[in-house]
Amino acid sequence: MKTIASPVQKVVSLALFVGLVMLVQHYYGWAELLTPWRHLSGNSLLIALVLVGASHLLRAARVHDYFRTDTAGHFPRCLKVVLQHHFLNNLLPMRSGEISFPIFMSRYLEIPAQRSVPALAWFRFLDLHTVIGLAALVATEYFFSSWWLPSILLLLWLGFPLLMIRITRKLEAALSGSRSKLVSRVCLLLSGLPQSRSIFYRSWLWTIINWTVKLSVFAWLMGQFGEVSFHAAWVGATVGDLTSVLPFHGIAGAGTYEAGVIAGLAPYGLAPESALPLAVNLHLFILASSALLGLIAWLIPARSS
């Protein structure tokens, strides 16, 4: 997991951020681009914030459930970890905020990095797998009239996590007899992955519910900012989130997130000049809600190490 940005990445990150600011100002003007916010009712904004907050409660429930023997009775601390981790991930460049997860898990819940790092890798795998699956589900319904291709894709999607866990279990068994320090460390990391079918399926279920809520809010909100179908907005928001796996990001994802949303909307006939304001306004909501949730996390009491 790469957590430290190189000088080149920092320069690219700054260039993407400045480029986006200048692009918006040149072609739209920031005052014009932010106009949809004036027409967004307070009730709509409150509902969006509450549902985004609910998605983070689901993420905290996933952590709480995964480490249930260590976190019993400490759900607020799990929520604090999730909110602070999310805030730093959105704020810091190149996903460098990921390193905060094992730090916070150790500080607030006394769970060592040897267990929290593989758990985070598992969560990230589930996130990526779920986001791609939900986007494909929406896209195939829109672009394909036959039933057989979506059915095959669904079976492949359902089977992939099971295959991954089986491979890691076989690898763990194969390495168990070695006395090498390196192999011992690899086995220790593998032991942080789901150890039972129940926790495997529960963590997967938490992930699916979380992303269904989150993407639904983003798609609905994008529709409030402009004329775009729910299907298109869903795929646009999904591709925008998937840009987090790219090696280069603008500051707080500026530039790369917008490019992802535009790419996701393109197959639905939305021109880049129409899609960019939607992407920017959605991104502003994500950053603002992240900052608000980060403030709430700071207010949650937790034991210091």
C-alpha atoms as a PDB file:
ATOM      1  CA  MET A   1       0.000   0.000   0.000  1.00  0.00           C
ATOM      2  CA  LYS A   2       1.643   3.164  -1.163  1.00  0.00           C
ATOM      3  CA  THR A   3       1.141   5.966   1.320  1.00  0.00           C
ATOM      4  CA  ILE A   4       3.827   8.555   0.654  1.00  0.00           C
ATOM      5  CA  ALA A   5       3.677  10.773  -2.415  1.00  0.00           C
ATOM      6  CA  SER A   6       6.874  11.313  -4.391  1.00  0.00           C
ATOM      7  CA  PRO A   7       7.978  14.843  -5.437  1.00  0.00           C
ATOM      8  CA  VAL A   8       6.747  14.151  -8.973  1.00  0.00           C
ATOM      9  CA  GLN A   9       3.351  13.065  -7.681  1.00  0.00           C
ATOM     10  CA  LYS A  10       3.109  16.186  -5.534  1.00  0.00           C
ATOM     11  CA  VAL A  11       3.843  18.394  -8.533  1.00  0.00           C
ATOM     12  CA  VAL A  12       1.278  16.549 -10.654  1.00  0.00           C
ATOM     13  CA  SER A  13      -1.241  16.771  -7.801  1.00  0.00           C
ATOM     14  CA  LEU A  14      -0.815  20.538  -7.556  1.00  0.00           C
ATOM     15  CA  ALA A  15      -0.939  20.931 -11.353  1.00  0.00           C
ATOM     16  CA  LEU A  16      -4.222  18.994 -11.559  1.00  0.00           C
ATOM     17  CA  PHE A  17      -5.764  21.116  -8.824  1.00  0.00           C
ATOM     18  CA  VAL A  18      -4.677  24.429 -10.374  1.00  0.00           C
ATOM     19  CA  GLY A  19      -5.692  23.209 -13.826  1.00  0.00           C
ATOM     20  CA  LEU A  20      -9.204  22.380 -12.672  1.00  0.00           C
ATOM     21  CA  VAL A  21      -9.650  25.740 -10.935  1.00  0.00           C
ATOM     22  CA  MET A  22      -8.486  27.607 -14.040  1.00  0.00           C
ATOM     23  CA  LEU A  23     -10.556  25.446 -16.403  1.00  0.00           C
ATOM     24  CA  VAL A  24     -13.755  26.069 -14.464  1.00  0.00           C
ATOM     25  CA  GLN A  25     -13.078  29.798 -14.210  1.00  0.00           C
ATOM     26  CA  HIS A  26     -12.274  30.117 -17.926  1.00  0.00           C
ATOM     27  CA  TYR A  27     -15.222  28.205 -19.361  1.00  0.00           C
ATOM     28  CA  TYR A  28     -17.929  28.736 -16.745  1.00  0.00           C
ATOM     29  CA  GLY A  29     -16.863  31.068 -13.955  1.00  0.00           C
ATOM     30  CA  TRP A  30     -17.134  29.754 -10.423  1.00  0.00           C
ATOM     31  CA  ALA A  31     -20.143  31.916  -9.590  1.00  0.00           C
ATOM     32  CA  GLU A  32     -22.090  30.452 -12.520  1.00  0.00           C
ATOM     33  CA  LEU A  33     -20.994  26.887 -11.817  1.00  0.00           C
ATOM     34  CA  LEU A  34     -22.139  27.083  -8.191  1.00  0.00           C
ATOM     35  CA  THR A  35     -25.613  28.345  -9.168  1.00  0.00           C
ATOM     36  CA  PRO A  36     -27.324  24.929  -8.621  1.00  0.00           C
ATOM     37  CA  TRP A  37     -26.532  25.207  -4.912  1.00  0.00           C
ATOM     38  CA  ARG A  38     -28.884  28.178  -4.665  1.00  0.00           C
ATOM     39  CA  HIS A  39     -31.756  26.057  -5.944  1.00  0.00           C
ATOM     40  CA  LEU A  40     -31.014  23.110  -3.675  1.00  0.00           C
ATOM     41  CA  SER A  41     -33.474  23.146  -0.786  1.00  0.00           C
ATOM     42  CA  GLY A  42     -32.282  22.903   2.783  1.00  0.00           C
ATOM     43  CA  ASN A  43     -34.327  19.728   3.272  1.00  0.00           C
ATOM     44  CA  SER A  44     -32.686  18.068   0.255  1.00  0.00           C
ATOM     45  CA  LEU A  45     -29.225  18.961   1.489  1.00  0.00           C
ATOM     46  CA  LEU A  46     -30.047  17.721   4.990  1.00  0.00           C
ATOM     47  CA  ILE A  47     -31.350  14.403   3.631  1.00  0.00           C
ATOM     48  CA  ALA A  48     -28.192  13.950   1.554  1.00  0.00           C
ATOM     49  CA  LEU A  49     -25.979  14.658   4.577  1.00  0.00           C
ATOM     50  CA  VAL A  50     -27.953  12.282   6.802  1.00  0.00           C
ATOM     51  CA  LEU A  51     -27.743   9.460   4.249  1.00  0.00           C
ATOM     52  CA  VAL A  52     -24.009   9.995   3.722  1.00  0.00           C
ATOM     53  CA  GLY A  53     -23.635   9.895   7.489  1.00  0.00           C
ATOM     54  CA  ALA A  54     -25.644   6.649   7.507  1.00  0.00           C
ATOM     55  CA  SER A  55     -23.221   5.144   4.975  1.00  0.00           C
ATOM     56  CA  HIS A  56     -20.369   5.868   7.385  1.00  0.00           C
ATOM     57  CA  LEU A  57     -22.306   4.283  10.233  1.00  0.00           C
ATOM     58  CA  LEU A  58     -22.469   1.183   8.030  1.00  0.00           C
ATOM     59  CA  ARG A  59     -18.703   1.357   7.484  1.00  0.00           C
ATOM     60  CA  ALA A  60     -18.178   1.639  11.226  1.00  0.00           C
ATOM     61  CA  ALA A  61     -20.499  -1.344  11.717  1.00  0.00           C
ATOM     62  CA  ARG A  62     -18.316  -3.319   9.303  1.00  0.00           C
ATOM     63  CA  VAL A  63     -15.208  -2.565  11.362  1.00  0.00           C
ATOM     64  CA  HIS A  64     -17.039  -3.220  14.635  1.00  0.00           C
ATOM     65  CA  ASP A  65     -18.341  -6.561  13.366  1.00  0.00           C
ATOM     66  CA  TYR A  66     -15.033  -7.660  11.806  1.00  0.00           C
ATOM     67  CA  PHE A  67     -13.123  -7.137  15.076  1.00  0.00           C
ATOM     68  CA  ARG A  68     -16.084  -7.986  17.305  1.00  0.00           C
ATOM     69  CA  THR A  69     -14.013  -9.620  20.059  1.00  0.00           C
ATOM     70  CA  ASP A  70     -11.943  -6.422  20.431  1.00  0.00           C
ATOM     71  CA  THR A  71     -14.600  -3.802  19.709  1.00  0.00           C
ATOM     72  CA  ALA A  72     -17.548  -5.067  21.746  1.00  0.00           C
ATOM     73  CA  GLY A  73     -19.103  -2.044  23.444  1.00  0.00           C
ATOM     74  CA  HIS A  74     -16.861   0.386  21.548  1.00  0.00           C
ATOM     75  CA  PHE A  75     -18.904   1.287  18.472  1.00  0.00           C
ATOM     76  CA  PRO A  76     -18.301   5.067  18.929  1.00  0.00           C
ATOM     77  CA  ARG A  77     -14.547   4.436  18.711  1.00  0.00           C
ATOM     78  CA  CYS A  78     -15.047   2.456  15.504  1.00  0.00           C
ATOM     79  CA  LEU A  79     -17.040   5.373  14.113  1.00  0.00           C
ATOM     80  CA  LYS A  80     -14.279   7.778  15.134  1.00  0.00           C
ATOM     81  CA  VAL A  81     -11.698   5.660  13.288  1.00  0.00           C
ATOM     82  CA  VAL A  82     -13.834   5.448  10.141  1.00  0.00           C
ATOM     83  CA  LEU A  83     -14.677   9.164  10.021  1.00  0.00           C
ATOM     84  CA  GLN A  84     -11.110  10.338  10.644  1.00  0.00           C
ATOM     85  CA  HIS A  85      -9.738   7.843   8.138  1.00  0.00           C
ATOM     86  CA  HIS A  86     -12.262   8.968   5.514  1.00  0.00           C
ATOM     87  CA  PHE A  87     -11.502  12.634   6.110  1.00  0.00           C
ATOM     88  CA  LEU A  88      -7.741  12.160   5.738  1.00  0.00           C
ATOM     89  CA  ASN A  89      -8.190  10.011   2.648  1.00  0.00           C
ATOM     90  CA  ASN A  90     -10.147  12.809   0.978  1.00  0.00           C
ATOM     91  CA  LEU A  91      -7.768  15.521   2.162  1.00  0.00           C
ATOM     92  CA  LEU A  92      -4.313  14.018   1.631  1.00  0.00           C
ATOM     93  CA  PRO A  93      -2.894  13.337  -1.860  1.00  0.00           C
ATOM     94  CA  MET A  94      -2.201   9.941  -3.454  1.00  0.00           C
ATOM     95  CA  ARG A  95      -4.288   7.963  -0.918  1.00  0.00           C
ATOM     96  CA  SER A  96      -1.656   8.730   1.721  1.00  0.00           C
ATOM     97  CA  GLY A  97      -4.523   8.965   4.219  1.00  0.00           C
ATOM     98  CA  GLU A  98      -4.745   5.150   4.158  1.00  0.00           C
ATOM     99  CA  ILE A  99      -1.858   4.920   6.638  1.00  0.00           C
ATOM    100  CA  SER A 100      -4.099   6.567   9.231  1.00  0.00           C
ATOM    101  CA  PHE A 101      -6.326   3.476   9.525  1.00  0.00           C
ATOM    102  CA  PRO A 102      -3.840   1.196  11.325  1.00  0.00           C
ATOM    103  CA  ILE A 103      -2.661   4.172  13.392  1.00  0.00           C
ATOM    104  CA  PHE A 104      -6.180   4.984  14.605  1.00  0.00           C
ATOM    105  CA  MET A 105      -7.030   1.314  15.113  1.00  0.00           C
ATOM    106  CA  SER A 106      -4.018   0.967  17.388  1.00  0.00           C
ATOM    107  CA  ARG A 107      -4.629   4.261  19.205  1.00  0.00           C
ATOM    108  CA  TYR A 108      -8.344   3.951  19.884  1.00  0.00           C
ATOM    109  CA  LEU A 109      -8.984   0.183  19.849  1.00  0.00           C
ATOM    110  CA  GLU A 110      -5.558  -1.288  20.664  1.00  0.00           C
ATOM    111  CA  ILE A 111      -5.641  -3.463  17.529  1.00  0.00           C
ATOM    112  CA  PRO A 112      -2.112  -3.854  16.092  1.00  0.00           C
ATOM    113  CA  ALA A 113      -1.199  -3.080  12.494  1.00  0.00           C
ATOM    114  CA  GLN A 114      -0.517  -6.763  11.831  1.00  0.00           C
ATOM    115  CA  ARG A 115      -4.280  -7.275  12.059  1.00  0.00           C
ATOM    116  CA  SER A 116      -5.675  -3.949  10.879  1.00  0.00           C
ATOM    117  CA  VAL A 117      -3.588  -3.641   7.681  1.00  0.00           C
ATOM    118  CA  PRO A 118      -4.778  -6.937   6.121  1.00  0.00           C
ATOM    119  CA  ALA A 119      -8.319  -6.094   7.249  1.00  0.00           C
ATOM    120  CA  LEU A 120      -8.046  -2.747   5.464  1.00  0.00           C
ATOM    121  CA  ALA A 121      -6.765  -4.522   2.341  1.00  0.00           C
ATOM    122  CA  TRP A 122      -9.806  -6.852   2.545  1.00  0.00           C
ATOM    123  CA  PHE A 123     -12.168  -3.911   2.993  1.00  0.00           C
ATOM    124  CA  ARG A 124     -10.636  -2.114   0.021  1.00  0.00           C
ATOM    125  CA  PHE A 125     -10.963  -5.243  -2.105  1.00  0.00           C
ATOM    126  CA  LEU A 126     -14.626  -5.528  -1.134  1.00  0.00           C
ATOM    127  CA  ASP A 127     -15.164  -1.826  -1.851  1.00  0.00           C
ATOM    128  CA  LEU A 128     -13.644  -2.074  -5.316  1.00  0.00           C
ATOM    129  CA  HIS A 129     -15.425  -5.325  -6.105  1.00  0.00           C
ATOM    130  CA  THR A 130     -18.792  -3.967  -4.920  1.00  0.00           C
ATOM    131  CA  VAL A 131     -18.522  -0.625  -6.690  1.00  0.00           C
ATOM    132  CA  ILE A 132     -17.648  -2.304  -9.994  1.00  0.00           C
ATOM    133  CA  GLY A 133     -20.466  -4.816  -9.542  1.00  0.00           C
ATOM    134  CA  LEU A 134     -23.121  -2.204  -8.777  1.00  0.00           C
ATOM    135  CA  ALA A 135     -22.009  -0.059 -11.728  1.00  0.00           C
ATOM    136  CA  ALA A 136     -22.075  -3.085 -14.040  1.00  0.00           C
ATOM    137  CA  LEU A 137     -25.543  -3.995 -12.801  1.00  0.00           C
ATOM    138  CA  VAL A 138     -26.877  -0.556 -13.710  1.00  0.00           C
ATOM    139  CA  ALA A 139     -24.958  -0.361 -16.980  1.00  0.00           C
ATOM    140  CA  THR A 140     -25.989  -3.791 -18.266  1.00  0.00           C
ATOM    141  CA  GLU A 141     -29.621  -3.048 -17.521  1.00  0.00           C
ATOM    142  CA  TYR A 142     -29.329   0.110 -19.633  1.00  0.00           C
ATOM    143  CA  PHE A 143     -27.174  -1.158 -22.523  1.00  0.00           C
ATOM    144  CA  PHE A 144     -28.136  -4.854 -22.857  1.00  0.00           C
ATOM    145  CA  SER A 145     -31.590  -6.223 -23.631  1.00  0.00           C
ATOM    146  CA  SER A 146     -30.686  -9.930 -23.363  1.00  0.00           C
ATOM    147  CA  TRP A 147     -30.526 -11.680 -19.990  1.00  0.00           C
ATOM    148  CA  TRP A 148     -27.679 -14.146 -20.513  1.00  0.00           C
ATOM    149  CA  LEU A 149     -24.705 -11.725 -20.500  1.00  0.00           C
ATOM    150  CA  PRO A 150     -25.739  -9.945 -17.254  1.00  0.00           C
ATOM    151  CA  SER A 151     -26.342 -13.381 -15.695  1.00  0.00           C
ATOM    152  CA  ILE A 152     -22.833 -14.565 -16.560  1.00  0.00           C
ATOM    153  CA  LEU A 153     -21.326 -11.327 -15.244  1.00  0.00           C
ATOM    154  CA  LEU A 154     -23.318 -11.687 -12.021  1.00  0.00           C
ATOM    155  CA  LEU A 155     -22.042 -15.237 -11.470  1.00  0.00           C
ATOM    156  CA  LEU A 156     -18.448 -14.139 -12.083  1.00  0.00           C
ATOM    157  CA  TRP A 157     -18.899 -11.214  -9.709  1.00  0.00           C
ATOM    158  CA  LEU A 158     -20.354 -13.411  -6.970  1.00  0.00           C
ATOM    159  CA  GLY A 159     -17.626 -16.027  -7.320  1.00  0.00           C
ATOM    160  CA  PHE A 160     -14.572 -13.790  -7.341  1.00  0.00           C
ATOM    161  CA  PRO A 161     -14.320 -13.030  -3.572  1.00  0.00           C
ATOM    162  CA  LEU A 162     -14.835 -16.726  -2.796  1.00  0.00           C
ATOM    163  CA  LEU A 163     -12.001 -17.596  -5.170  1.00  0.00           C
ATOM    164  CA  MET A 164      -9.725 -14.976  -3.610  1.00  0.00           C
ATOM    165  CA  ILE A 165     -10.301 -16.279  -0.078  1.00  0.00           C
ATOM    166  CA  ARG A 166      -9.742 -19.887  -1.185  1.00  0.00           C
ATOM    167  CA  ILE A 167      -6.447 -18.935  -2.848  1.00  0.00           C
ATOM    168  CA  THR A 168      -5.217 -17.091   0.251  1.00  0.00           C
ATOM    169  CA  ARG A 169      -6.194 -20.021   2.476  1.00  0.00           C
ATOM    170  CA  LYS A 170      -4.259 -22.461   0.287  1.00  0.00           C
ATOM    171  CA  LEU A 171      -1.292 -20.068   0.282  1.00  0.00           C
ATOM    172  CA  GLU A 172      -1.439 -19.778   4.069  1.00  0.00           C
ATOM    173  CA  ALA A 173      -1.506 -23.570   4.428  1.00  0.00           C
ATOM    174  CA  ALA A 174       1.410 -23.985   2.011  1.00  0.00           C
ATOM    175  CA  LEU A 175       3.559 -21.490   3.907  1.00  0.00           C
ATOM    176  CA  SER A 176       2.681 -22.648   7.416  1.00  0.00           C
ATOM    177  CA  GLY A 177       5.615 -25.065   7.736  1.00  0.00           C
ATOM    178  CA  SER A 178       8.330 -22.563   6.855  1.00  0.00           C
ATOM    179  CA  ARG A 179      10.627 -21.056   9.483  1.00  0.00           C
ATOM    180  CA  SER A 180      11.583 -18.039   7.375  1.00  0.00           C
ATOM    181  CA  LYS A 181      10.946 -14.683   9.051  1.00  0.00           C
ATOM    182  CA  LEU A 182       9.598 -13.257   5.799  1.00  0.00           C
ATOM    183  CA  VAL A 183       7.194 -16.165   5.335  1.00  0.00           C
ATOM    184  CA  SER A 184       6.113 -15.849   8.981  1.00  0.00           C
ATOM    185  CA  ARG A 185       5.236 -12.203   8.399  1.00  0.00           C
ATOM    186  CA  VAL A 186       3.285 -13.105   5.250  1.00  0.00           C
ATOM    187  CA  CYS A 187       1.353 -15.748   7.224  1.00  0.00           C
ATOM    188  CA  LEU A 188       0.653 -13.191   9.947  1.00  0.00           C
ATOM    189  CA  LEU A 189      -0.819 -10.816   7.372  1.00  0.00           C
ATOM    190  CA  LEU A 190      -2.878 -13.582   5.786  1.00  0.00           C
ATOM    191  CA  SER A 191      -4.292 -14.427   9.211  1.00  0.00           C
ATOM    192  CA  GLY A 192      -5.831 -10.945   9.290  1.00  0.00           C
ATOM    193  CA  LEU A 193      -8.186 -11.912   6.449  1.00  0.00           C
ATOM    194  CA  PRO A 194     -11.648 -13.401   7.209  1.00  0.00           C
ATOM    195  CA  GLN A 195     -11.220 -16.585   9.234  1.00  0.00           C
ATOM    196  CA  SER A 196     -14.806 -17.835   8.990  1.00  0.00           C
ATOM    197  CA  ARG A 197     -17.587 -17.931   6.430  1.00  0.00           C
ATOM    198  CA  SER A 198     -19.854 -15.881   8.668  1.00  0.00           C
ATOM    199  CA  ILE A 199     -17.492 -12.906   8.950  1.00  0.00           C
ATOM    200  CA  PHE A 200     -16.686 -13.256   5.234  1.00  0.00           C
ATOM    201  CA  TYR A 201     -20.339 -12.895   4.234  1.00  0.00           C
ATOM    202  CA  ARG A 202     -21.167 -10.290   6.876  1.00  0.00           C
ATOM    203  CA  SER A 203     -18.326  -7.968   5.840  1.00  0.00           C
ATOM    204  CA  TRP A 204     -19.418  -8.384   2.222  1.00  0.00           C
ATOM    205  CA  LEU A 205     -23.046  -7.609   3.106  1.00  0.00           C
ATOM    206  CA  TRP A 206     -22.069  -4.487   5.083  1.00  0.00           C
ATOM    207  CA  THR A 207     -20.093  -3.330   2.028  1.00  0.00           C
ATOM    208  CA  ILE A 208     -22.942  -3.854  -0.432  1.00  0.00           C
ATOM    209  CA  ILE A 209     -25.465  -2.001   1.753  1.00  0.00           C
ATOM    210  CA  ASN A 210     -23.021   0.838   2.397  1.00  0.00           C
ATOM    211  CA  TRP A 211     -22.227   1.427  -1.273  1.00  0.00           C
ATOM    212  CA  THR A 212     -25.849   1.098  -2.346  1.00  0.00           C
ATOM    213  CA  VAL A 213     -26.783   3.905   0.063  1.00  0.00           C
ATOM    214  CA  LYS A 214     -23.763   6.040  -0.824  1.00  0.00           C
ATOM    215  CA  LEU A 215     -24.054   5.781  -4.615  1.00  0.00           C
ATOM    216  CA  SER A 216     -27.812   6.313  -4.465  1.00  0.00           C
ATOM    217  CA  VAL A 217     -27.266   9.590  -2.613  1.00  0.00           C
ATOM    218  CA  PHE A 218     -24.583  10.734  -5.053  1.00  0.00           C
ATOM    219  CA  ALA A 219     -26.673   9.835  -8.107  1.00  0.00           C
ATOM    220  CA  TRP A 220     -29.749  11.570  -6.698  1.00  0.00           C
ATOM    221  CA  LEU A 221     -27.738  14.648  -5.742  1.00  0.00           C
ATOM    222  CA  MET A 222     -26.160  14.858  -9.192  1.00  0.00           C
ATOM    223  CA  GLY A 223     -29.673  14.937 -10.603  1.00  0.00           C
ATOM    224  CA  GLN A 224     -30.409  17.925  -8.369  1.00  0.00           C
ATOM    225  CA  PHE A 225     -27.442  19.773  -9.881  1.00  0.00           C
ATOM    226  CA  GLY A 226     -28.482  19.257 -13.513  1.00  0.00           C
ATOM    227  CA  GLU A 227     -30.440  17.242 -16.029  1.00  0.00           C
ATOM    228  CA  VAL A 228     -29.053  13.725 -15.880  1.00  0.00           C
ATOM    229  CA  SER A 229     -30.746  10.341 -15.534  1.00  0.00           C
ATOM    230  CA  PHE A 230     -30.338   8.324 -12.350  1.00  0.00           C
ATOM    231  CA  HIS A 231     -28.628   5.512 -14.299  1.00  0.00           C
ATOM    232  CA  ALA A 232     -26.083   7.869 -15.827  1.00  0.00           C
ATOM    233  CA  ALA A 233     -25.459   9.664 -12.537  1.00  0.00           C
ATOM    234  CA  TRP A 234     -24.920   6.327 -10.751  1.00  0.00           C
ATOM    235  CA  VAL A 235     -22.289   5.201 -13.248  1.00  0.00           C
ATOM    236  CA  GLY A 236     -20.685   8.660 -13.289  1.00  0.00           C
ATOM    237  CA  ALA A 237     -20.373   8.721  -9.498  1.00  0.00           C
ATOM    238  CA  THR A 238     -18.984   5.184  -9.557  1.00  0.00           C
ATOM    239  CA  VAL A 239     -16.258   5.910 -12.105  1.00  0.00           C
ATOM    240  CA  GLY A 240     -15.400   9.101 -10.237  1.00  0.00           C
ATOM    241  CA  ASP A 241     -14.835   7.075  -7.066  1.00  0.00           C
ATOM    242  CA  LEU A 242     -12.777   4.492  -8.966  1.00  0.00           C
ATOM    243  CA  THR A 243     -10.225   7.180  -9.871  1.00  0.00           C
ATOM    244  CA  SER A 244      -8.894   6.741  -6.339  1.00  0.00           C
ATOM    245  CA  VAL A 245      -6.887   3.758  -7.610  1.00  0.00           C
ATOM    246  CA  LEU A 246      -4.961   5.902 -10.105  1.00  0.00           C
ATOM    247  CA  PRO A 247      -1.265   6.620  -9.348  1.00  0.00           C
ATOM    248  CA  PHE A 248      -1.836  10.391  -9.690  1.00  0.00           C
ATOM    249  CA  HIS A 249      -4.470  12.589  -8.047  1.00  0.00           C
ATOM    250  CA  GLY A 250      -5.101  16.258  -7.721  1.00  0.00           C
ATOM    251  CA  ILE A 251      -5.173  17.823  -4.270  1.00  0.00           C
ATOM    252  CA  ALA A 252      -8.228  16.309  -2.536  1.00  0.00           C
ATOM    253  CA  GLY A 253      -8.831  14.387  -5.782  1.00  0.00           C
ATOM    254  CA  ALA A 254      -9.433  17.598  -7.772  1.00  0.00           C
ATOM    255  CA  GLY A 255      -9.199  16.990 -11.499  1.00  0.00           C
ATOM    256  CA  THR A 256      -9.009  13.206 -11.447  1.00  0.00           C
ATOM    257  CA  TYR A 257     -12.391  12.771  -9.735  1.00  0.00           C
ATOM    258  CA  GLU A 258     -14.056  15.115 -12.225  1.00  0.00           C
ATOM    259  CA  ALA A 259     -12.411  13.297 -15.144  1.00  0.00           C
ATOM    260  CA  GLY A 260     -13.785  10.003 -13.827  1.00  0.00           C
ATOM    261  CA  VAL A 261     -17.326  11.347 -13.504  1.00  0.00           C
ATOM    262  CA  ILE A 262     -17.168  12.803 -17.025  1.00  0.00           C
ATOM    263  CA  ALA A 263     -15.932   9.451 -18.390  1.00  0.00           C
ATOM    264  CA  GLY A 264     -18.773   7.639 -16.632  1.00  0.00           C
ATOM    265  CA  LEU A 265     -21.388  10.019 -18.041  1.00  0.00           C
ATOM    266  CA  ALA A 266     -20.021   9.991 -21.604  1.00  0.00           C
ATOM    267  CA  PRO A 267     -21.660   6.694 -22.718  1.00  0.00           C
ATOM    268  CA  TYR A 268     -25.019   8.211 -21.813  1.00  0.00           C
ATOM    269  CA  GLY A 269     -24.545  11.053 -24.299  1.00  0.00           C
ATOM    270  CA  LEU A 270     -23.532  13.798 -21.854  1.00  0.00           C
ATOM    271  CA  ALA A 271     -20.943  16.126 -23.376  1.00  0.00           C
ATOM    272  CA  PRO A 272     -17.917  17.025 -21.203  1.00  0.00           C
ATOM    273  CA  GLU A 273     -18.978  20.663 -21.004  1.00  0.00           C
ATOM    274  CA  SER A 274     -22.326  19.594 -19.525  1.00  0.00           C
ATOM    275  CA  ALA A 275     -20.851  16.919 -17.270  1.00  0.00           C
ATOM    276  CA  LEU A 276     -18.057  18.982 -15.691  1.00  0.00           C
ATOM    277  CA  PRO A 277     -20.359  21.247 -13.591  1.00  0.00           C
ATOM    278  CA  LEU A 278     -22.168  18.151 -12.282  1.00  0.00           C
ATOM    279  CA  ALA A 279     -18.872  16.516 -11.372  1.00  0.00           C
ATOM    280  CA  VAL A 280     -17.437  19.583  -9.653  1.00  0.00           C
ATOM    281  CA  ASN A 281     -20.562  20.255  -7.585  1.00  0.00           C
ATOM    282  CA  LEU A 282     -20.812  16.618  -6.498  1.00  0.00           C
ATOM    283  CA  HIS A 283     -17.131  16.661  -5.555  1.00  0.00           C
ATOM    284  CA  LEU A 284     -17.633  19.828  -3.514  1.00  0.00           C
ATOM    285  CA  PHE A 285     -20.464  18.127  -1.625  1.00  0.00           C
ATOM    286  CA  ILE A 286     -18.255  15.097  -0.927  1.00  0.00           C
ATOM    287  CA  LEU A 287     -15.423  17.271   0.411  1.00  0.00           C
ATOM    288  CA  ALA A 288     -17.760  19.436   2.499  1.00  0.00           C
ATOM    289  CA  SER A 289     -19.542  16.422   4.013  1.00  0.00           C
ATOM    290  CA  SER A 290     -16.168  14.792   4.691  1.00  0.00           C
ATOM    291  CA  ALA A 291     -15.020  17.888   6.576  1.00  0.00           C
ATOM    292  CA  LEU A 292     -18.257  17.986   8.589  1.00  0.00           C
ATOM    293  CA  LEU A 293     -17.955  14.300   9.470  1.00  0.00           C
ATOM    294  CA  GLY A 294     -14.314  14.849  10.368  1.00  0.00           C
ATOM    295  CA  LEU A 295     -15.433  17.506  12.850  1.00  0.00           C
ATOM    296  CA  ILE A 296     -17.974  15.096  14.325  1.00  0.00           C
ATOM    297  CA  ALA A 297     -15.204  12.489  14.655  1.00  0.00           C
ATOM    298  CA  TRP A 298     -13.101  14.964  16.608  1.00  0.00           C
ATOM    299  CA  LEU A 299     -16.008  15.428  19.043  1.00  0.00           C
ATOM    300  CA  ILE A 300     -16.428  11.695  19.685  1.00  0.00           C
ATOM    301  CA  PRO A 301     -14.588  10.833  22.903  1.00  0.00           C
ATOM    302  CA  ALA A 302     -12.029   8.053  22.680  1.00  0.00           C
ATOM    303  CA  ARG A 303      -9.310   6.691  24.860  1.00  0.00           C
ATOM    304  CA  SER A 304      -5.784   7.745  23.944  1.00  0.00           C
ATOM    305  CA  SER A 305      -3.013   5.200  23.762  1.00  0.00           C
END
